[in-house]
Amino acid sequence: GGGLVNVLAYKADYTAASEELQLLEAAARA
């Protein structure tokens, strides 16, 4: 059931963290 736990508990936060890092890198380059 770990896949379900990942989707419900962690995936959105992980995606948000990845997006923040992408934005930080883009801002630093700019």
PDB file of all heavy atoms in Angstrom:
ATOM      1  N   GLY A   1       0.806  -1.218   0.000  1.00  0.00           N
ATOM      2  CA  GLY A   1       0.000   0.000   0.000  1.00  0.00           C
ATOM      3  C   GLY A   1       0.834   1.260   0.000  1.00  0.00           C
ATOM      4  O   GLY A   1       0.310   2.367   0.152  1.00  0.00           O
ATOM      5  N   GLY A   2       2.123   1.125  -0.190  1.00  0.00           N
ATOM      6  CA  GLY A   2       3.006   2.280  -0.155  1.00  0.00           C
ATOM      7  C   GLY A   2       2.745   3.278  -1.260  1.00  0.00           C
ATOM      8  O   GLY A   2       2.906   4.474  -1.085  1.00  0.00           O
ATOM      9  N   GLY A   3       2.326   2.785  -2.422  1.00  0.00           N
ATOM     10  CA  GLY A   3       2.002   3.675  -3.534  1.00  0.00           C
ATOM     11  C   GLY A   3       0.846   4.597  -3.177  1.00  0.00           C
ATOM     12  O   GLY A   3       0.862   5.784  -3.501  1.00  0.00           O
ATOM     13  N   LEU A   4      -0.134   4.063  -2.498  1.00  0.00           N
ATOM     14  CA  LEU A   4      -1.271   4.866  -2.060  1.00  0.00           C
ATOM     15  C   LEU A   4      -0.837   5.902  -1.026  1.00  0.00           C
ATOM     16  O   LEU A   4      -1.245   7.061  -1.082  1.00  0.00           O
ATOM     17  CB  LEU A   4      -2.365   3.965  -1.484  1.00  0.00           C
ATOM     18  CG  LEU A   4      -3.609   4.662  -0.959  1.00  0.00           C
ATOM     19  CD1 LEU A   4      -4.306   5.413  -2.083  1.00  0.00           C
ATOM     20  CD2 LEU A   4      -4.545   3.648  -0.325  1.00  0.00           C
ATOM     21  N   VAL A   5       0.015   5.490  -0.107  1.00  0.00           N
ATOM     22  CA  VAL A   5       0.536   6.419   0.902  1.00  0.00           C
ATOM     23  C   VAL A   5       1.293   7.557   0.219  1.00  0.00           C
ATOM     24  O   VAL A   5       1.142   8.724   0.576  1.00  0.00           O
ATOM     25  CB  VAL A   5       1.449   5.687   1.913  1.00  0.00           C
ATOM     26  CG1 VAL A   5       2.170   6.671   2.822  1.00  0.00           C
ATOM     27  CG2 VAL A   5       0.634   4.695   2.727  1.00  0.00           C
ATOM     28  N   ASN A   6       2.094   7.203  -0.776  1.00  0.00           N
ATOM     29  CA  ASN A   6       2.857   8.225  -1.498  1.00  0.00           C
ATOM     30  C   ASN A   6       1.941   9.255  -2.134  1.00  0.00           C
ATOM     31  O   ASN A   6       2.181  10.458  -2.033  1.00  0.00           O
ATOM     32  CB  ASN A   6       3.742   7.596  -2.564  1.00  0.00           C
ATOM     33  CG  ASN A   6       5.002   7.015  -1.992  1.00  0.00           C
ATOM     34  OD1 ASN A   6       5.401   7.338  -0.882  1.00  0.00           O
ATOM     35  ND2 ASN A   6       5.636   6.137  -2.737  1.00  0.00           N
ATOM     36  N   VAL A   7       0.893   8.784  -2.810  1.00  0.00           N
ATOM     37  CA  VAL A   7      -0.015   9.703  -3.492  1.00  0.00           C
ATOM     38  C   VAL A   7      -0.747  10.574  -2.482  1.00  0.00           C
ATOM     39  O   VAL A   7      -0.855  11.790  -2.657  1.00  0.00           O
ATOM     40  CB  VAL A   7      -1.021   8.933  -4.375  1.00  0.00           C
ATOM     41  CG1 VAL A   7      -2.125   9.843  -4.877  1.00  0.00           C
ATOM     42  CG2 VAL A   7      -0.302   8.293  -5.551  1.00  0.00           C
ATOM     43  N   LEU A   8      -1.234   9.973  -1.407  1.00  0.00           N
ATOM     44  CA  LEU A   8      -2.037  10.717  -0.437  1.00  0.00           C
ATOM     45  C   LEU A   8      -1.208  11.624   0.468  1.00  0.00           C
ATOM     46  O   LEU A   8      -1.642  12.719   0.817  1.00  0.00           O
ATOM     47  CB  LEU A   8      -2.850   9.747   0.428  1.00  0.00           C
ATOM     48  CG  LEU A   8      -3.908   8.936  -0.308  1.00  0.00           C
ATOM     49  CD1 LEU A   8      -4.568   7.951   0.647  1.00  0.00           C
ATOM     50  CD2 LEU A   8      -4.932   9.847  -0.947  1.00  0.00           C
ATOM     51  N   ALA A   9      -0.025  11.176   0.847  1.00  0.00           N
ATOM     52  CA  ALA A   9       0.722  11.921   1.863  1.00  0.00           C
ATOM     53  C   ALA A   9       1.897  12.731   1.327  1.00  0.00           C
ATOM     54  O   ALA A   9       2.179  13.810   1.849  1.00  0.00           O
ATOM     55  CB  ALA A   9       1.234  10.946   2.927  1.00  0.00           C
ATOM     56  N   TYR A  10       2.594  12.226   0.324  1.00  0.00           N
ATOM     57  CA  TYR A  10       3.877  12.832  -0.020  1.00  0.00           C
ATOM     58  C   TYR A  10       3.977  13.455  -1.412  1.00  0.00           C
ATOM     59  O   TYR A  10       4.749  14.382  -1.615  1.00  0.00           O
ATOM     60  CB  TYR A  10       4.998  11.788   0.097  1.00  0.00           C
ATOM     61  CG  TYR A  10       5.098  11.133   1.448  1.00  0.00           C
ATOM     62  CD1 TYR A  10       5.042   9.757   1.580  1.00  0.00           C
ATOM     63  CD2 TYR A  10       5.246  11.894   2.601  1.00  0.00           C
ATOM     64  CE1 TYR A  10       5.134   9.150   2.821  1.00  0.00           C
ATOM     65  CE2 TYR A  10       5.332  11.300   3.843  1.00  0.00           C
ATOM     66  CZ  TYR A  10       5.281   9.924   3.954  1.00  0.00           C
ATOM     67  OH  TYR A  10       5.367   9.333   5.172  1.00  0.00           O
ATOM     68  N   LYS A  11       3.262  12.935  -2.390  1.00  0.00           N
ATOM     69  CA  LYS A  11       3.503  13.319  -3.782  1.00  0.00           C
ATOM     70  C   LYS A  11       3.285  14.804  -4.045  1.00  0.00           C
ATOM     71  O   LYS A  11       4.086  15.439  -4.729  1.00  0.00           O
ATOM     72  CB  LYS A  11       2.621  12.481  -4.719  1.00  0.00           C
ATOM     73  CG  LYS A  11       3.014  12.608  -6.159  1.00  0.00           C
ATOM     74  CD  LYS A  11       4.431  12.125  -6.348  1.00  0.00           C
ATOM     75  CE  LYS A  11       4.873  12.270  -7.774  1.00  0.00           C
ATOM     76  NZ  LYS A  11       6.269  11.933  -7.936  1.00  0.00           N
ATOM     77  N   ALA A  12       2.213  15.372  -3.502  1.00  0.00           N
ATOM     78  CA  ALA A  12       1.955  16.796  -3.733  1.00  0.00           C
ATOM     79  C   ALA A  12       3.060  17.658  -3.126  1.00  0.00           C
ATOM     80  O   ALA A  12       3.527  18.615  -3.760  1.00  0.00           O
ATOM     81  CB  ALA A  12       0.598  17.185  -3.166  1.00  0.00           C
ATOM     82  N   ASP A  13       3.498  17.316  -1.921  1.00  0.00           N
ATOM     83  CA  ASP A  13       4.576  18.080  -1.276  1.00  0.00           C
ATOM     84  C   ASP A  13       5.888  17.928  -2.041  1.00  0.00           C
ATOM     85  O   ASP A  13       6.646  18.891  -2.183  1.00  0.00           O
ATOM     86  CB  ASP A  13       4.774  17.631   0.168  1.00  0.00           C
ATOM     87  CG  ASP A  13       3.645  18.064   1.079  1.00  0.00           C
ATOM     88  OD1 ASP A  13       2.918  19.019   0.721  1.00  0.00           O
ATOM     89  OD2 ASP A  13       3.487  17.453   2.148  1.00  0.00           O
ATOM     90  N   TYR A  14       6.155  16.719  -2.526  1.00  0.00           N
ATOM     91  CA  TYR A  14       7.380  16.486  -3.289  1.00  0.00           C
ATOM     92  C   TYR A  14       7.363  17.286  -4.591  1.00  0.00           C
ATOM     93  O   TYR A  14       8.359  17.912  -4.960  1.00  0.00           O
ATOM     94  CB  TYR A  14       7.543  14.991  -3.575  1.00  0.00           C
ATOM     95  CG  TYR A  14       8.799  14.672  -4.340  1.00  0.00           C
ATOM     96  CD1 TYR A  14      10.029  14.627  -3.687  1.00  0.00           C
ATOM     97  CD2 TYR A  14       8.766  14.432  -5.701  1.00  0.00           C
ATOM     98  CE1 TYR A  14      11.199  14.348  -4.387  1.00  0.00           C
ATOM     99  CE2 TYR A  14       9.924  14.150  -6.408  1.00  0.00           C
ATOM    100  CZ  TYR A  14      11.138  14.107  -5.740  1.00  0.00           C
ATOM    101  OH  TYR A  14      12.282  13.839  -6.445  1.00  0.00           O
ATOM    102  N   THR A  15       6.223  17.286  -5.262  1.00  0.00           N
ATOM    103  CA  THR A  15       6.091  18.057  -6.502  1.00  0.00           C
ATOM    104  C   THR A  15       6.252  19.545  -6.220  1.00  0.00           C
ATOM    105  O   THR A  15       6.923  20.257  -6.974  1.00  0.00           O
ATOM    106  CB  THR A  15       4.735  17.774  -7.172  1.00  0.00           C
ATOM    107  OG1 THR A  15       4.652  16.374  -7.450  1.00  0.00           O
ATOM    108  CG2 THR A  15       4.580  18.547  -8.468  1.00  0.00           C
ATOM    109  N   ALA A  16       5.662  20.031  -5.136  1.00  0.00           N
ATOM    110  CA  ALA A  16       5.787  21.444  -4.771  1.00  0.00           C
ATOM    111  C   ALA A  16       7.251  21.802  -4.503  1.00  0.00           C
ATOM    112  O   ALA A  16       7.733  22.854  -4.943  1.00  0.00           O
ATOM    113  CB  ALA A  16       4.924  21.760  -3.554  1.00  0.00           C
ATOM    114  N   ALA A  17       7.963  20.943  -3.787  1.00  0.00           N
ATOM    115  CA  ALA A  17       9.381  21.205  -3.507  1.00  0.00           C
ATOM    116  C   ALA A  17      10.200  21.224  -4.796  1.00  0.00           C
ATOM    117  O   ALA A  17      11.063  22.089  -4.983  1.00  0.00           O
ATOM    118  CB  ALA A  17       9.929  20.154  -2.537  1.00  0.00           C
ATOM    119  N   SER A  18       9.918  20.293  -5.695  1.00  0.00           N
ATOM    120  CA  SER A  18      10.628  20.257  -6.979  1.00  0.00           C
ATOM    121  C   SER A  18      10.355  21.518  -7.793  1.00  0.00           C
ATOM    122  O   SER A  18      11.266  22.082  -8.415  1.00  0.00           O
ATOM    123  CB  SER A  18      10.215  19.030  -7.781  1.00  0.00           C
ATOM    124  OG  SER A  18      10.593  17.857  -7.115  1.00  0.00           O
ATOM    125  N   GLU A  19       9.115  21.973  -7.773  1.00  0.00           N
ATOM    126  CA  GLU A  19       8.762  23.190  -8.504  1.00  0.00           C
ATOM    127  C   GLU A  19       9.438  24.411  -7.896  1.00  0.00           C
ATOM    128  O   GLU A  19       9.907  25.293  -8.625  1.00  0.00           O
ATOM    129  CB  GLU A  19       7.247  23.380  -8.518  1.00  0.00           C
ATOM    130  CG  GLU A  19       6.540  22.393  -9.405  1.00  0.00           C
ATOM    131  CD  GLU A  19       5.031  22.546  -9.384  1.00  0.00           C
ATOM    132  OE1 GLU A  19       4.515  23.406  -8.640  1.00  0.00           O
ATOM    133  OE2 GLU A  19       4.366  21.816 -10.130  1.00  0.00           O
ATOM    134  N   GLU A  20       9.498  24.477  -6.582  1.00  0.00           N
ATOM    135  CA  GLU A  20      10.191  25.593  -5.932  1.00  0.00           C
ATOM    136  C   GLU A  20      11.650  25.626  -6.356  1.00  0.00           C
ATOM    137  O   GLU A  20      12.209  26.694  -6.635  1.00  0.00           O
ATOM    138  CB  GLU A  20      10.083  25.497  -4.407  1.00  0.00           C
ATOM    139  CG  GLU A  20       8.714  25.758  -3.854  1.00  0.00           C
ATOM    140  CD  GLU A  20       8.257  27.208  -3.948  1.00  0.00           C
ATOM    141  OE1 GLU A  20       9.097  28.119  -4.105  1.00  0.00           O
ATOM    142  OE2 GLU A  20       7.044  27.418  -3.867  1.00  0.00           O
ATOM    143  N   LEU A  21      12.288  24.460  -6.411  1.00  0.00           N
ATOM    144  CA  LEU A  21      13.686  24.408  -6.835  1.00  0.00           C
ATOM    145  C   LEU A  21      13.847  24.848  -8.279  1.00  0.00           C
ATOM    146  O   LEU A  21      14.809  25.552  -8.619  1.00  0.00           O
ATOM    147  CB  LEU A  21      14.246  22.992  -6.636  1.00  0.00           C
ATOM    148  CG  LEU A  21      14.525  22.615  -5.183  1.00  0.00           C
ATOM    149  CD1 LEU A  21      14.824  21.127  -5.063  1.00  0.00           C
ATOM    150  CD2 LEU A  21      15.663  23.440  -4.620  1.00  0.00           C
ATOM    151  N   GLN A  22      12.930  24.466  -9.141  1.00  0.00           N
ATOM    152  CA  GLN A  22      12.978  24.911 -10.536  1.00  0.00           C
ATOM    153  C   GLN A  22      12.866  26.428 -10.618  1.00  0.00           C
ATOM    154  O   GLN A  22      13.598  27.075 -11.378  1.00  0.00           O
ATOM    155  CB  GLN A  22      11.856  24.277 -11.345  1.00  0.00           C
ATOM    156  CG  GLN A  22      12.020  22.810 -11.601  1.00  0.00           C
ATOM    157  CD  GLN A  22      10.808  22.220 -12.313  1.00  0.00           C
ATOM    158  OE1 GLN A  22       9.830  22.902 -12.585  1.00  0.00           O
ATOM    159  NE2 GLN A  22      10.872  20.939 -12.605  1.00  0.00           N
ATOM    160  N   LEU A  23      11.946  26.997  -9.838  1.00  0.00           N
ATOM    161  CA  LEU A  23      11.770  28.447  -9.847  1.00  0.00           C
ATOM    162  C   LEU A  23      12.988  29.167  -9.296  1.00  0.00           C
ATOM    163  O   LEU A  23      13.390  30.212  -9.817  1.00  0.00           O
ATOM    164  CB  LEU A  23      10.532  28.836  -9.036  1.00  0.00           C
ATOM    165  CG  LEU A  23       9.192  28.422  -9.634  1.00  0.00           C
ATOM    166  CD1 LEU A  23       8.066  28.759  -8.672  1.00  0.00           C
ATOM    167  CD2 LEU A  23       8.973  29.091 -10.973  1.00  0.00           C
ATOM    168  N   LEU A  24      13.571  28.614  -8.246  1.00  0.00           N
ATOM    169  CA  LEU A  24      14.777  29.214  -7.676  1.00  0.00           C
ATOM    170  C   LEU A  24      15.923  29.201  -8.683  1.00  0.00           C
ATOM    171  O   LEU A  24      16.643  30.192  -8.825  1.00  0.00           O
ATOM    172  CB  LEU A  24      15.179  28.470  -6.404  1.00  0.00           C
ATOM    173  CG  LEU A  24      14.332  28.770  -5.180  1.00  0.00           C
ATOM    174  CD1 LEU A  24      14.502  27.692  -4.129  1.00  0.00           C
ATOM    175  CD2 LEU A  24      14.682  30.142  -4.627  1.00  0.00           C
ATOM    176  N   GLU A  25      16.086  28.101  -9.382  1.00  0.00           N
ATOM    177  CA  GLU A  25      17.158  28.011 -10.367  1.00  0.00           C
ATOM    178  C   GLU A  25      16.917  28.972 -11.528  1.00  0.00           C
ATOM    179  O   GLU A  25      17.850  29.623 -12.013  1.00  0.00           O
ATOM    180  CB  GLU A  25      17.299  26.573 -10.847  1.00  0.00           C
ATOM    181  CG  GLU A  25      17.858  25.674  -9.759  1.00  0.00           C
ATOM    182  CD  GLU A  25      17.826  24.196 -10.098  1.00  0.00           C
ATOM    183  OE1 GLU A  25      17.516  23.849 -11.258  1.00  0.00           O
ATOM    184  OE2 GLU A  25      18.100  23.393  -9.206  1.00  0.00           O
ATOM    185  N   ALA A  26      15.657  29.081 -11.968  1.00  0.00           N
ATOM    186  CA  ALA A  26      15.337  30.015 -13.049  1.00  0.00           C
ATOM    187  C   ALA A  26      15.579  31.454 -12.612  1.00  0.00           C
ATOM    188  O   ALA A  26      16.118  32.265 -13.375  1.00  0.00           O
ATOM    189  CB  ALA A  26      13.885  29.826 -13.493  1.00  0.00           C
ATOM    190  N   ALA A  27      15.200  31.794 -11.379  1.00  0.00           N
ATOM    191  CA  ALA A  27      15.413  33.147 -10.870  1.00  0.00           C
ATOM    192  C   ALA A  27      16.903  33.447 -10.746  1.00  0.00           C
ATOM    193  O   ALA A  27      17.354  34.550 -11.083  1.00  0.00           O
ATOM    194  CB  ALA A  27      14.725  33.313  -9.514  1.00  0.00           C
ATOM    195  N   ALA A  28      17.678  32.477 -10.283  1.00  0.00           N
ATOM    196  CA  ALA A  28      19.125  32.678 -10.153  1.00  0.00           C
ATOM    197  C   ALA A  28      19.773  32.895 -11.518  1.00  0.00           C
ATOM    198  O   ALA A  28      20.643  33.753 -11.665  1.00  0.00           O
ATOM    199  CB  ALA A  28      19.755  31.487  -9.440  1.00  0.00           C
ATOM    200  N   ARG A  29      19.338  32.143 -12.510  1.00  0.00           N
ATOM    201  CA  ARG A  29      19.875  32.337 -13.864  1.00  0.00           C
ATOM    202  C   ARG A  29      19.483  33.710 -14.401  1.00  0.00           C
ATOM    203  O   ARG A  29      20.294  34.396 -15.019  1.00  0.00           O
ATOM    204  CB  ARG A  29      19.369  31.242 -14.796  1.00  0.00           C
ATOM    205  CG  ARG A  29      20.117  29.939 -14.673  1.00  0.00           C
ATOM    206  CD  ARG A  29      19.788  28.985 -15.806  1.00  0.00           C
ATOM    207  NE  ARG A  29      18.361  28.677 -15.894  1.00  0.00           N
ATOM    208  CZ  ARG A  29      17.742  27.714 -15.222  1.00  0.00           C
ATOM    209  NH1 ARG A  29      18.436  26.960 -14.395  1.00  0.00           N
ATOM    210  NH2 ARG A  29      16.450  27.499 -15.374  1.00  0.00           N
ATOM    211  N   ALA A  30      18.246  34.122 -14.172  1.00  0.00           N
ATOM    212  CA  ALA A  30      17.774  35.415 -14.673  1.00  0.00           C
ATOM    213  C   ALA A  30      18.531  36.567 -14.025  1.00  0.00           C
ATOM    214  O   ALA A  30      18.741  37.604 -14.653  1.00  0.00           O
ATOM    215  CB  ALA A  30      16.274  35.562 -14.419  1.00  0.00           C
TER     216      ALA A  30
END
